[in-house]
Amino acid sequence: MRAGTPAQSKSARLRALLASRELEFLMEAHNGISARIVEEAGFKGIWASGLALSAQFAVRDSNEASWTQIVDMLEFMSDATSIPILLDGDTGYGDFNNMRRLVKKLGQRDIAGVCIEDKLFPKRNSLLPDERQPLADIAEFCGKIKAGKDSQSDPDFVIVARVEALIANRGMDEALERAESYREAGADAILIHSKEPRPNEVLTFAQHWDRRHPLVIVPTRYYTTPTDAFRKAGVSVVIWANHVLRSAVAHMTAVARQVHKDESVAGVEDHIARVSEIFRLQGEEELSQAERRYVASEAQTHAIVLAATRGAGLESVTEDRPKVMLPIAGKPLLAHLVDQFQRQAIQRITVVAGYRAEAIDVGGVRVLHNPDYMRSGELASLACARDAIHEDVIITYGDLLFRRHVLRDLVEARGDLVAVVDSELPPQDSRDYRDLAYCSRIDHPLMAEEADLERVSERADTLHGEPSGRWIGILRARGRGREQLLVALETLRSRRDFAQLGMPDLLNALIGAGHTIKVLYIHGHWINVNAAEDLIRGSDFAHGPMSPGGTR
């Protein structure tokens, strides 16, 4: 039966990896979420590293974390994954009796195997730059292996004996002697360890070992060695022992320093995992499925993208495609929008196209066509998507780029109708000085006070005083707000000039009918693509530095 067959236990699958004719690999993980990431990356097994498990508790790799704390963490890792886990069990956390209890507890948590090393308890990490690496007596260590094998509940449970003779500078002869003794004592595989920066010791050992028993290596120090050299040497399994932990530490450090420097998280938001990805790794989808089965669920959020225009001033680059298909940082503008929606678990996306609608080629969207796009405006396109105006819908212009938090905050905002307003106005002589929003309150730099939209105007409106900001082209409607929007849209359709009306007219009609549109204030972190120079700005924006500067 091949490795990975569902009928096999996790221990049987680990044993199959050791017996495989192909070189196999284990990747380090140190908690539930890292274990799930390792499995999703495609690895067939997990190395529960003693160093990494200690480090995630911020204690030294010298048995400062108790074996019960380690086993508790392993339970989360095992529950989060379906692939086998091999525990880096140090010395077995004591004598033969501790080893017996450890093996029993690992079996109860569906851990596939344990690797124990022939040092004295408490151990010291093998890669530390010192010579204090005392080894256990060979006979005593063989007794520990036998005690573990006698205690396993699953006959396929794996015990790997880790030989530390090369680490302790005892030489090749003793390393081979110890390995053979451990094999005879019942070890299921031998791990030969070396801290030399070149693989000479390990490859020499493998040559003498001559494939007599599965051989495991940990090339943390000799990482530049071509993997094919291990295949030719007869190695069974390679362990990448601490790289998930080290990469996490490097990135957490960079993000923490950047946030401290900026006194804001806006600059790092696009460079870290989205919250929805954390939810996914935590298994929220399974809970959602259960809720749909047992509890009445709320309506899903939909999106409508108004994308019918060719783009005035962009004729030289839109001969064969609409504006939303122009490339920004290597992919179409529309694809950036779709990515943002999908990051917020908004999967039902309708695009209202017009000019060169057939050129729209972005996955995950339904394309509708406004046949009168050349003589009509935004509301005519929205009317084409009336059936897509569901219980909860976000309507947006198709030429926008914005940071992730803009849509996330809109999804979390309260209100049946919510409009996104940028409180940072462009210069009055700028072509972007339009869609001016007049609100009941101006944006407060510190206190998030609720504000209502009172009017949207193409130009400065002296009757309403100073504008509070600029409506960026995004509106959310849900519940009663959705019904109010549909009524307002139908009312406007009866006007003779309906074909020339835009989204601001719809907003003003809603306000005129006495409906409340809540304001979600933002502070930059978006651009719209209206001219050739915006394509360059858009590319810079999409690549985005880890700082808030230059995001307007």
Protein backbone atom coordinates (compact mmCIF):
# COMPACT_ATOMS: atom_id res chain seq x y z
CA MET A 1 0.00 0.00 0.00
CA ARG A 2 1.49 3.35 -0.99
CA ALA A 3 2.28 6.15 1.46
CA GLY A 4 -0.63 8.41 2.15
CA THR A 5 -3.40 5.85 1.64
CA PRO A 6 -6.27 6.90 3.93
CA ALA A 7 -6.61 3.37 5.40
CA GLN A 8 -3.11 3.61 6.86
CA SER A 9 -2.40 5.07 10.27
CA LYS A 10 -0.14 8.09 10.47
CA SER A 11 2.58 5.86 11.88
CA ALA A 12 2.25 3.49 8.92
CA ARG A 13 2.58 6.44 6.55
CA LEU A 14 5.73 7.64 8.30
CA ARG A 15 7.16 4.12 8.16
CA ALA A 16 6.37 4.04 4.42
CA LEU A 17 8.30 7.30 3.94
CA LEU A 18 11.34 5.73 5.62
CA ALA A 19 11.05 2.67 3.39
CA SER A 20 10.40 4.61 0.18
CA ARG A 21 12.73 4.10 -2.76
CA GLU A 22 12.54 7.86 -3.34
CA LEU A 23 14.21 10.49 -1.20
CA GLU A 24 11.53 11.92 1.10
CA PHE A 25 11.37 15.16 3.07
CA LEU A 26 10.00 16.36 6.40
CA MET A 27 9.48 20.06 7.13
CA GLU A 28 9.61 21.65 10.57
CA ALA A 29 6.51 22.95 12.30
CA HIS A 30 6.06 24.13 15.86
CA ASN A 31 2.34 24.76 16.42
CA GLY A 32 -1.03 24.03 14.85
CA ILE A 33 -1.05 26.77 12.22
CA SER A 34 2.52 26.13 11.05
CA ALA A 35 1.75 22.41 10.84
CA ARG A 36 -1.25 23.10 8.63
CA ILE A 37 0.86 25.39 6.43
CA VAL A 38 3.47 22.65 6.03
CA GLU A 39 0.82 20.13 4.98
CA GLU A 40 -0.75 22.58 2.50
CA ALA A 41 2.69 23.24 1.03
CA GLY A 42 2.74 19.61 -0.08
CA PHE A 43 4.99 17.89 2.45
CA LYS A 44 4.17 14.29 3.32
CA GLY A 45 5.33 14.60 6.92
CA ILE A 46 6.18 17.06 9.69
CA TRP A 47 9.24 17.38 11.89
CA ALA A 48 8.16 18.68 15.30
CA SER A 49 11.49 20.32 16.03
CA GLY A 50 12.70 20.52 19.61
CA LEU A 51 14.44 23.81 18.86
CA ALA A 52 11.34 25.29 17.23
CA LEU A 53 8.95 24.03 19.89
CA SER A 54 11.19 25.51 22.58
CA ALA A 55 11.57 28.77 20.69
CA GLN A 56 7.82 29.31 20.29
CA PHE A 57 7.69 29.23 24.10
CA ALA A 58 10.74 31.60 24.09
CA VAL A 59 12.82 29.19 26.19
CA ARG A 60 16.14 27.51 25.45
CA ASP A 61 16.48 24.19 23.66
CA SER A 62 17.76 22.56 26.84
CA ASN A 63 14.61 20.80 28.07
CA GLU A 64 13.38 24.01 29.69
CA ALA A 65 9.95 23.34 28.22
CA SER A 66 8.52 20.29 29.99
CA TRP A 67 7.62 17.21 28.01
CA THR A 68 3.97 17.67 28.94
CA GLN A 69 3.99 21.17 27.42
CA ILE A 70 5.52 19.70 24.27
CA VAL A 71 2.90 16.95 24.10
CA ASP A 72 0.09 19.47 24.62
CA MET A 73 1.30 21.45 21.60
CA LEU A 74 1.67 18.26 19.57
CA GLU A 75 -2.00 17.51 20.16
CA PHE A 76 -2.98 20.77 18.44
CA MET A 77 -0.58 20.01 15.59
CA SER A 78 -1.96 16.51 15.14
CA ASP A 79 -5.58 17.71 15.19
CA ALA A 80 -4.79 20.36 12.57
CA THR A 81 -3.24 17.96 10.04
CA SER A 82 -3.66 14.60 8.35
CA ILE A 83 0.02 13.84 7.65
CA PRO A 84 2.37 12.06 10.07
CA ILE A 85 4.37 13.96 12.67
CA LEU A 86 7.81 12.86 13.85
CA LEU A 87 8.64 14.42 17.22
CA ASP A 88 12.14 15.59 17.97
CA GLY A 89 11.99 13.99 21.41
CA ASP A 90 15.45 15.05 22.62
CA THR A 91 16.69 12.30 24.96
CA GLY A 92 13.22 10.93 25.63
CA TYR A 93 12.96 13.40 28.55
CA GLY A 94 14.67 11.12 31.05
CA ASP A 95 15.38 7.44 31.52
CA PHE A 96 13.69 4.33 30.07
CA ASN A 97 10.61 4.88 32.24
CA ASN A 98 10.09 8.43 30.96
CA MET A 99 10.50 7.03 27.46
CA ARG A 100 7.75 4.46 28.04
CA ARG A 101 5.32 7.09 29.25
CA LEU A 102 6.22 9.45 26.40
CA VAL A 103 5.54 6.81 23.73
CA LYS A 104 2.17 5.98 25.27
CA LYS A 105 1.13 9.63 25.35
CA LEU A 106 2.29 10.21 21.78
CA GLY A 107 0.24 7.25 20.62
CA GLN A 108 -2.85 8.67 22.31
CA ARG A 109 -2.41 11.88 20.28
CA ASP A 110 -1.86 10.11 16.96
CA ILE A 111 1.79 11.17 16.70
CA ALA A 112 3.53 8.91 14.19
CA GLY A 113 6.93 8.59 15.78
CA VAL A 114 9.66 10.02 17.96
CA CYS A 115 13.35 10.67 17.39
CA ILE A 116 15.57 10.36 20.45
CA GLU A 117 19.23 11.30 20.67
CA ASP A 118 21.98 9.53 22.58
CA LYS A 119 22.88 12.41 24.91
CA LEU A 120 22.37 12.91 28.61
CA PHE A 121 19.32 14.69 30.04
CA PRO A 122 19.01 17.68 29.99
CA LYS A 123 20.37 17.96 26.46
CA ARG A 124 22.00 20.93 24.77
CA ASN A 125 21.32 21.90 21.17
CA SER A 126 23.78 20.17 18.87
CA LEU A 127 24.58 23.32 16.88
CA LEU A 128 25.69 25.40 19.86
CA PRO A 129 29.36 26.47 19.56
CA ASP A 130 30.71 24.50 22.51
CA GLU A 131 32.05 21.05 23.22
CA ARG A 132 29.75 20.16 26.14
CA GLN A 133 27.92 17.31 24.44
CA PRO A 134 28.21 14.28 26.76
CA LEU A 135 26.82 11.07 25.30
CA ALA A 136 24.77 8.33 26.94
CA ASP A 137 26.16 4.86 27.48
CA ILE A 138 25.38 2.70 24.44
CA ALA A 139 23.75 -0.09 26.45
CA GLU A 140 21.64 2.38 28.42
CA PHE A 141 20.42 4.05 25.24
CA CYS A 142 19.61 0.68 23.66
CA GLY A 143 17.48 -0.07 26.72
CA LYS A 144 15.61 3.17 26.17
CA ILE A 145 14.89 2.18 22.55
CA LYS A 146 13.62 -1.23 23.66
CA ALA A 147 11.41 0.34 26.34
CA GLY A 148 9.87 2.61 23.74
CA LYS A 149 9.20 -0.22 21.29
CA ASP A 150 7.60 -2.31 24.05
CA SER A 151 5.28 0.59 24.94
CA GLN A 152 3.90 1.51 21.52
CA SER A 153 0.20 0.84 20.92
CA ASP A 154 0.47 1.07 17.12
CA PRO A 155 2.83 -1.60 15.72
CA ASP A 156 3.92 0.88 13.05
CA PHE A 157 4.94 3.58 15.55
CA VAL A 158 8.42 4.77 14.54
CA ILE A 159 11.42 5.28 16.81
CA VAL A 160 14.36 7.00 15.16
CA ALA A 161 17.71 6.80 16.97
CA ARG A 162 19.77 9.95 16.56
CA VAL A 163 23.53 9.40 16.67
CA GLU A 164 25.45 12.37 18.15
CA ALA A 165 28.94 10.90 18.05
CA LEU A 166 30.06 13.27 15.26
CA ILE A 167 28.64 16.26 17.18
CA ALA A 168 30.63 15.18 20.25
CA ASN A 169 33.82 14.66 18.19
CA ARG A 170 33.90 10.93 18.98
CA GLY A 171 34.79 9.99 15.40
CA MET A 172 33.33 7.92 12.60
CA ASP A 173 34.04 4.50 14.11
CA GLU A 174 32.03 5.25 17.23
CA ALA A 175 29.22 6.78 15.17
CA LEU A 176 28.94 3.57 13.14
CA GLU A 177 29.20 1.39 16.24
CA ARG A 178 26.42 3.29 17.99
CA ALA A 179 24.19 3.24 14.91
CA GLU A 180 24.52 -0.52 14.50
CA SER A 181 23.81 -1.11 18.20
CA TYR A 182 20.67 1.03 18.00
CA ARG A 183 19.51 -0.80 14.89
CA GLU A 184 19.89 -4.13 16.67
CA ALA A 185 17.99 -2.73 19.67
CA GLY A 186 14.96 -2.11 17.46
CA ALA A 187 15.30 1.46 16.17
CA ASP A 188 13.30 1.89 12.96
CA ALA A 189 15.78 4.36 11.44
CA ILE A 190 19.08 6.05 12.20
CA LEU A 191 19.57 9.82 12.15
CA ILE A 192 23.20 10.81 11.72
CA HIS A 193 23.87 14.39 12.77
CA SER A 194 26.76 16.73 11.97
CA LYS A 195 27.38 20.42 12.49
CA GLU A 196 30.08 20.69 9.85
CA PRO A 197 29.36 23.24 7.08
CA ARG A 198 30.15 20.60 4.45
CA PRO A 199 28.48 17.17 4.11
CA ASN A 200 31.70 15.13 4.19
CA GLU A 201 31.03 13.46 7.56
CA VAL A 202 27.46 12.56 6.72
CA LEU A 203 28.26 11.25 3.25
CA THR A 204 31.16 9.20 4.60
CA PHE A 205 28.86 7.71 7.24
CA ALA A 206 26.28 6.91 4.57
CA GLN A 207 28.90 5.19 2.45
CA HIS A 208 29.94 2.93 5.35
CA TRP A 209 26.33 2.42 6.41
CA ASP A 210 25.55 1.11 2.92
CA ARG A 211 21.74 1.31 3.13
CA ARG A 212 21.51 -1.40 5.82
CA HIS A 213 18.70 0.53 7.54
CA PRO A 214 16.73 3.75 6.79
CA LEU A 215 18.99 6.79 7.17
CA VAL A 216 17.81 10.29 8.12
CA ILE A 217 19.84 13.51 7.92
CA VAL A 218 19.37 17.15 8.95
CA PRO A 219 21.36 19.44 6.59
CA THR A 220 20.92 22.64 8.59
CA ARG A 221 24.62 23.50 8.40
CA TYR A 222 25.51 21.95 5.03
CA TYR A 223 22.43 23.39 3.32
CA THR A 224 24.23 24.28 0.07
CA THR A 225 24.79 20.61 -0.76
CA PRO A 226 22.83 19.58 -3.88
CA THR A 227 19.93 17.40 -2.82
CA ASP A 228 20.86 14.86 -5.47
CA ALA A 229 24.01 14.06 -3.49
CA PHE A 230 21.80 12.76 -0.69
CA ARG A 231 19.87 10.58 -3.14
CA LYS A 232 23.06 9.03 -4.46
CA ALA A 233 24.30 8.42 -0.91
CA GLY A 234 21.25 6.33 -0.04
CA VAL A 235 19.64 8.76 2.39
CA SER A 236 15.98 7.91 3.07
CA VAL A 237 14.63 11.15 4.58
CA VAL A 238 15.90 14.73 4.71
CA ILE A 239 14.61 16.96 7.51
CA TRP A 240 14.39 20.72 7.00
CA ALA A 241 14.60 21.31 10.70
CA ASN A 242 13.87 24.94 11.61
CA HIS A 243 13.15 27.00 8.52
CA VAL A 244 9.47 27.75 9.09
CA LEU A 245 10.28 29.14 12.52
CA ARG A 246 13.23 31.17 11.25
CA SER A 247 11.25 32.67 8.38
CA ALA A 248 8.43 33.61 10.76
CA VAL A 249 10.87 35.31 13.15
CA ALA A 250 12.48 37.28 10.31
CA HIS A 251 9.16 38.57 8.97
CA MET A 252 7.62 39.27 12.38
CA THR A 253 10.69 41.30 13.28
CA ALA A 254 10.50 43.36 10.08
CA VAL A 255 6.79 44.05 10.48
CA ALA A 256 7.04 44.97 14.16
CA ARG A 257 9.90 47.40 13.48
CA GLN A 258 8.06 48.96 10.54
CA VAL A 259 4.89 49.50 12.54
CA HIS A 260 6.89 50.97 15.42
CA LYS A 261 8.66 53.33 13.03
CA ASP A 262 5.50 54.42 11.18
CA GLU A 263 3.20 54.46 14.21
CA SER A 264 0.68 52.89 11.85
CA VAL A 265 -0.14 49.48 10.40
CA ALA A 266 -1.33 50.88 7.06
CA GLY A 267 2.08 50.46 5.46
CA VAL A 268 2.40 46.76 6.25
CA GLU A 269 -1.18 45.65 5.65
CA ASP A 270 -0.61 44.63 2.03
CA HIS A 271 2.54 42.66 2.93
CA ILE A 272 1.15 40.36 5.60
CA ALA A 273 -1.36 37.53 5.57
CA ARG A 274 -4.91 38.78 5.40
CA VAL A 275 -7.15 38.05 8.37
CA SER A 276 -9.34 35.86 6.16
CA GLU A 277 -6.29 33.65 5.49
CA ILE A 278 -5.84 33.18 9.24
CA PHE A 279 -9.52 32.30 9.50
CA ARG A 280 -9.08 29.77 6.69
CA LEU A 281 -6.11 28.12 8.37
CA GLN A 282 -8.09 27.98 11.60
CA GLY A 283 -10.83 26.03 9.82
CA GLU A 284 -13.52 28.69 9.82
CA GLU A 285 -14.98 27.26 6.61
CA GLU A 286 -15.88 24.03 8.40
CA LEU A 287 -17.60 26.05 11.11
CA SER A 288 -19.42 28.08 8.47
CA GLN A 289 -20.64 24.90 6.83
CA ALA A 290 -21.86 23.66 10.19
CA GLU A 291 -23.63 26.95 10.82
CA ARG A 292 -25.33 26.72 7.43
CA ARG A 293 -26.55 23.28 8.45
CA TYR A 294 -27.65 24.08 11.97
CA VAL A 295 -28.17 27.86 12.14
CA ALA A 296 -29.86 30.34 9.82
CA SER A 297 -27.04 32.24 8.08
CA GLU A 298 -26.79 35.87 7.03
CA ALA A 299 -26.87 36.93 3.40
CA GLN A 300 -23.60 36.77 1.48
CA THR A 301 -22.01 39.96 0.25
CA HIS A 302 -21.99 40.45 -3.54
CA ALA A 303 -20.09 42.96 -5.65
CA ILE A 304 -20.96 44.90 -8.80
CA VAL A 305 -18.16 46.51 -10.80
CA LEU A 306 -19.13 49.25 -13.26
CA ALA A 307 -16.65 48.82 -16.12
CA ALA A 308 -18.31 49.79 -19.41
CA THR A 309 -16.04 52.60 -20.59
CA ARG A 310 -13.03 52.60 -22.88
CA GLY A 311 -11.45 55.40 -20.89
CA ALA A 312 -11.33 58.99 -22.11
CA GLY A 313 -7.71 59.97 -22.75
CA LEU A 314 -6.60 56.34 -22.84
CA GLU A 315 -7.50 55.66 -26.48
CA SER A 316 -3.90 54.89 -27.42
CA VAL A 317 -3.80 51.86 -25.09
CA THR A 318 -7.43 50.70 -25.20
CA GLU A 319 -7.86 49.95 -28.87
CA ASP A 320 -8.32 46.24 -28.20
CA ARG A 321 -9.53 46.21 -24.60
CA PRO A 322 -11.52 48.24 -22.06
CA LYS A 323 -9.87 50.30 -19.38
CA VAL A 324 -10.35 47.65 -16.71
CA MET A 325 -8.15 45.23 -18.67
CA LEU A 326 -5.15 47.55 -18.80
CA PRO A 327 -2.15 45.93 -17.11
CA ILE A 328 -1.15 47.25 -13.70
CA ALA A 329 1.94 45.67 -12.16
CA GLY A 330 1.63 42.67 -14.45
CA LYS A 331 -2.08 41.94 -14.28
CA PRO A 332 -5.32 43.63 -15.37
CA LEU A 333 -6.75 46.43 -13.30
CA LEU A 334 -9.92 44.38 -12.88
CA ALA A 335 -7.93 41.46 -11.50
CA HIS A 336 -6.67 43.68 -8.68
CA LEU A 337 -10.25 44.51 -7.78
CA VAL A 338 -11.29 40.87 -7.88
CA ASP A 339 -8.37 39.95 -5.63
CA GLN A 340 -9.47 42.53 -3.08
CA PHE A 341 -13.02 41.20 -3.05
CA GLN A 342 -11.92 37.60 -2.73
CA ARG A 343 -9.63 38.50 0.17
CA GLN A 344 -12.77 39.58 2.00
CA ALA A 345 -14.54 36.30 1.07
CA ILE A 346 -16.69 38.10 -1.53
CA GLN A 347 -16.89 35.52 -4.29
CA ARG A 348 -19.95 36.60 -6.28
CA ILE A 349 -18.72 39.42 -8.49
CA THR A 350 -20.66 40.89 -11.40
CA VAL A 351 -18.92 43.11 -13.94
CA VAL A 352 -21.01 45.39 -16.16
CA ALA A 353 -19.01 45.74 -19.38
CA GLY A 354 -19.53 47.74 -22.53
CA TYR A 355 -16.60 48.65 -24.74
CA ARG A 356 -14.76 45.51 -25.93
CA ALA A 357 -16.63 43.40 -23.39
CA GLU A 358 -15.33 40.25 -25.08
CA ALA A 359 -11.78 41.17 -24.02
CA ILE A 360 -12.59 40.83 -20.32
CA ASP A 361 -10.73 37.73 -19.24
CA VAL A 362 -10.53 37.60 -15.47
CA GLY A 363 -11.56 34.53 -13.53
CA GLY A 364 -14.17 34.56 -10.82
CA VAL A 365 -16.55 37.12 -12.36
CA ARG A 366 -19.86 37.13 -14.20
CA VAL A 367 -19.86 39.60 -17.10
CA LEU A 368 -23.01 41.49 -18.11
CA HIS A 369 -23.19 43.79 -21.12
CA ASN A 370 -24.51 47.33 -21.37
CA PRO A 371 -25.31 47.52 -25.12
CA ASP A 372 -25.89 51.27 -24.96
CA TYR A 373 -22.61 52.05 -23.21
CA MET A 374 -21.55 54.70 -25.75
CA ARG A 375 -24.65 56.86 -25.05
CA SER A 376 -25.25 56.10 -21.40
CA GLY A 377 -23.62 56.54 -18.02
CA GLU A 378 -23.05 54.66 -14.79
CA LEU A 379 -26.68 54.33 -13.72
CA ALA A 380 -27.62 52.73 -17.03
CA SER A 381 -24.89 50.15 -16.41
CA LEU A 382 -26.11 49.59 -12.87
CA ALA A 383 -29.64 49.09 -14.20
CA CYS A 384 -28.28 46.30 -16.43
CA ALA A 385 -27.17 44.52 -13.24
CA ARG A 386 -30.41 45.02 -11.33
CA ASP A 387 -30.78 41.27 -10.73
CA ALA A 388 -27.30 41.26 -9.18
CA ILE A 389 -28.29 43.82 -6.53
CA HIS A 390 -28.72 41.23 -3.81
CA GLU A 391 -29.46 41.56 -0.11
CA ASP A 392 -25.92 42.80 0.58
CA VAL A 393 -24.01 44.38 -2.30
CA ILE A 394 -20.96 46.58 -2.84
CA ILE A 395 -21.06 48.75 -5.96
CA THR A 396 -17.77 50.17 -7.21
CA TYR A 397 -16.21 51.89 -10.16
CA GLY A 398 -13.95 49.60 -12.14
CA ASP A 399 -10.96 51.94 -12.35
CA LEU A 400 -10.02 51.91 -8.66
CA LEU A 401 -7.02 50.57 -6.78
CA PHE A 402 -7.14 50.66 -3.00
CA ARG A 403 -5.42 49.16 0.00
CA ARG A 404 -6.89 46.08 1.58
CA HIS A 405 -8.13 47.83 4.70
CA VAL A 406 -10.53 50.02 2.70
CA LEU A 407 -12.72 47.10 1.68
CA ARG A 408 -12.22 45.28 4.97
CA ASP A 409 -13.46 48.30 6.93
CA LEU A 410 -16.42 48.68 4.57
CA VAL A 411 -17.40 45.04 5.11
CA GLU A 412 -17.26 45.60 8.87
CA ALA A 413 -19.03 49.00 8.80
CA ARG A 414 -22.52 49.43 10.22
CA GLY A 415 -25.35 50.96 8.24
CA ASP A 416 -27.80 49.97 5.53
CA LEU A 417 -26.14 52.39 3.10
CA VAL A 418 -22.44 53.24 3.44
CA ALA A 419 -20.33 55.43 1.15
CA VAL A 420 -16.53 55.54 1.23
CA VAL A 421 -15.20 59.11 1.47
CA ASP A 422 -11.55 60.19 1.40
CA SER A 423 -11.11 63.10 3.79
CA GLU A 424 -7.85 64.10 2.08
CA LEU A 425 -8.95 66.36 -0.76
CA PRO A 426 -6.74 66.83 -3.83
CA PRO A 427 -5.70 70.36 -4.90
CA GLN A 428 -8.58 72.44 -6.25
CA ASP A 429 -6.88 72.85 -9.63
CA SER A 430 -6.46 69.09 -9.98
CA ARG A 431 -8.51 67.00 -12.41
CA ASP A 432 -9.31 64.80 -9.41
CA TYR A 433 -11.13 67.61 -7.59
CA ARG A 434 -14.60 66.18 -8.19
CA ASP A 435 -17.25 63.94 -6.61
CA LEU A 436 -16.98 66.21 -3.60
CA ALA A 437 -18.69 64.86 -0.50
CA TYR A 438 -20.50 67.09 1.97
CA CYS A 439 -21.08 65.31 5.25
CA SER A 440 -22.73 65.96 8.61
CA ARG A 441 -19.34 65.80 10.35
CA ILE A 442 -15.83 66.26 9.11
CA ASP A 443 -13.35 63.47 9.66
CA HIS A 444 -11.81 63.62 13.13
CA PRO A 445 -8.12 62.61 13.14
CA LEU A 446 -8.46 60.73 16.44
CA MET A 447 -12.11 60.01 17.22
CA ALA A 448 -14.17 57.95 14.78
CA GLU A 449 -17.46 59.85 15.00
CA GLU A 450 -20.38 58.76 12.86
CA ALA A 451 -21.13 60.98 9.88
CA ASP A 452 -23.90 61.00 7.28
CA LEU A 453 -23.51 61.92 3.64
CA GLU A 454 -25.51 65.07 2.79
CA ARG A 455 -24.61 65.57 -0.85
CA VAL A 456 -22.16 64.62 -3.58
CA SER A 457 -21.29 67.36 -6.06
CA GLU A 458 -19.18 67.42 -9.21
CA ARG A 459 -17.82 70.82 -8.21
CA ALA A 460 -17.53 72.89 -5.04
CA ASP A 461 -21.01 73.76 -3.79
CA THR A 462 -21.01 77.07 -1.93
CA LEU A 463 -24.49 76.36 -0.57
CA HIS A 464 -23.12 73.49 1.48
CA GLY A 465 -19.87 75.10 2.64
CA GLU A 466 -16.52 73.36 2.49
CA PRO A 467 -16.50 69.77 1.22
CA SER A 468 -15.70 67.10 3.81
CA GLY A 469 -13.82 64.96 1.32
CA ARG A 470 -14.23 63.09 -1.92
CA TRP A 471 -16.50 60.13 -2.60
CA ILE A 472 -14.15 57.57 -4.15
CA GLY A 473 -16.76 55.57 -6.05
CA ILE A 474 -17.69 52.78 -3.63
CA LEU A 475 -21.14 52.27 -2.09
CA ARG A 476 -22.48 49.44 0.02
CA ALA A 477 -26.21 48.67 0.30
CA ARG A 478 -27.80 45.97 2.39
CA GLY A 479 -31.10 45.14 4.00
CA ARG A 480 -33.38 48.15 3.88
CA GLY A 481 -30.67 50.10 2.10
CA ARG A 482 -30.80 47.68 -0.80
CA GLU A 483 -34.58 48.15 -1.10
CA GLN A 484 -34.17 51.93 -0.91
CA LEU A 485 -31.52 51.82 -3.63
CA LEU A 486 -33.74 49.79 -5.95
CA VAL A 487 -36.65 52.20 -5.49
CA ALA A 488 -34.41 55.22 -6.14
CA LEU A 489 -32.96 53.57 -9.23
CA GLU A 490 -36.42 52.88 -10.64
CA THR A 491 -37.51 56.44 -9.90
CA LEU A 492 -34.50 57.85 -11.75
CA ARG A 493 -35.15 55.55 -14.73
CA SER A 494 -38.38 57.45 -15.36
CA ARG A 495 -36.41 60.64 -16.05
CA ARG A 496 -35.72 61.60 -19.64
CA ASP A 497 -32.06 62.25 -18.88
CA PHE A 498 -31.52 58.88 -17.16
CA ALA A 499 -28.96 57.78 -19.74
CA GLN A 500 -26.69 60.64 -18.69
CA LEU A 501 -26.95 60.10 -14.94
CA GLY A 502 -24.11 58.83 -12.79
CA MET A 503 -23.71 57.27 -9.38
CA PRO A 504 -23.60 60.66 -7.58
CA ASP A 505 -27.13 61.26 -8.88
CA LEU A 506 -28.24 58.03 -7.24
CA LEU A 507 -26.62 59.02 -3.94
CA ASN A 508 -28.29 62.42 -4.00
CA ALA A 509 -31.64 60.84 -4.88
CA LEU A 510 -31.36 58.53 -1.88
CA ILE A 511 -30.53 61.45 0.40
CA GLY A 512 -33.36 63.51 -1.12
CA ALA A 513 -35.81 60.72 -0.35
CA GLY A 514 -34.86 60.96 3.33
CA HIS A 515 -32.59 57.90 3.51
CA THR A 516 -29.42 57.89 5.58
CA ILE A 517 -26.08 57.11 3.93
CA LYS A 518 -23.38 56.51 6.51
CA VAL A 519 -19.85 57.70 5.73
CA LEU A 520 -16.77 55.49 6.00
CA TYR A 521 -13.88 57.92 6.09
CA ILE A 522 -10.50 56.88 4.76
CA HIS A 523 -7.27 58.87 4.49
CA GLY A 524 -5.70 58.27 1.08
CA HIS A 525 -4.48 54.76 0.26
CA TRP A 526 -6.32 54.60 -3.09
CA ILE A 527 -6.03 55.87 -6.64
CA ASN A 528 -8.21 55.88 -9.73
CA VAL A 529 -6.90 55.23 -13.22
CA ASN A 530 -8.14 57.98 -15.53
CA ALA A 531 -5.10 58.95 -17.60
CA ALA A 532 -1.93 57.49 -19.05
CA GLU A 533 0.20 58.72 -16.17
CA ASP A 534 -2.11 56.85 -13.78
CA LEU A 535 -0.90 53.57 -15.27
CA ILE A 536 2.58 54.29 -13.90
CA ARG A 537 1.19 55.51 -10.59
CA GLY A 538 -0.99 52.42 -10.46
CA SER A 539 1.97 50.12 -10.96
CA ASP A 540 3.90 51.86 -8.17
CA PHE A 541 0.83 51.68 -5.97
CA ALA A 542 0.24 47.98 -6.61
CA HIS A 543 3.85 47.10 -5.81
CA GLY A 544 3.48 49.38 -2.79
CA PRO A 545 6.27 50.06 -0.27
CA MET A 546 5.74 49.03 3.32
CA SER A 547 4.88 52.61 4.21
CA PRO A 548 1.78 54.73 3.71
CA GLY A 549 3.51 57.35 1.59
CA GLY A 550 2.62 57.72 -2.07
CA THR A 551 -0.67 55.87 -1.88
CA ARG A 552 -2.96 58.58 -3.20
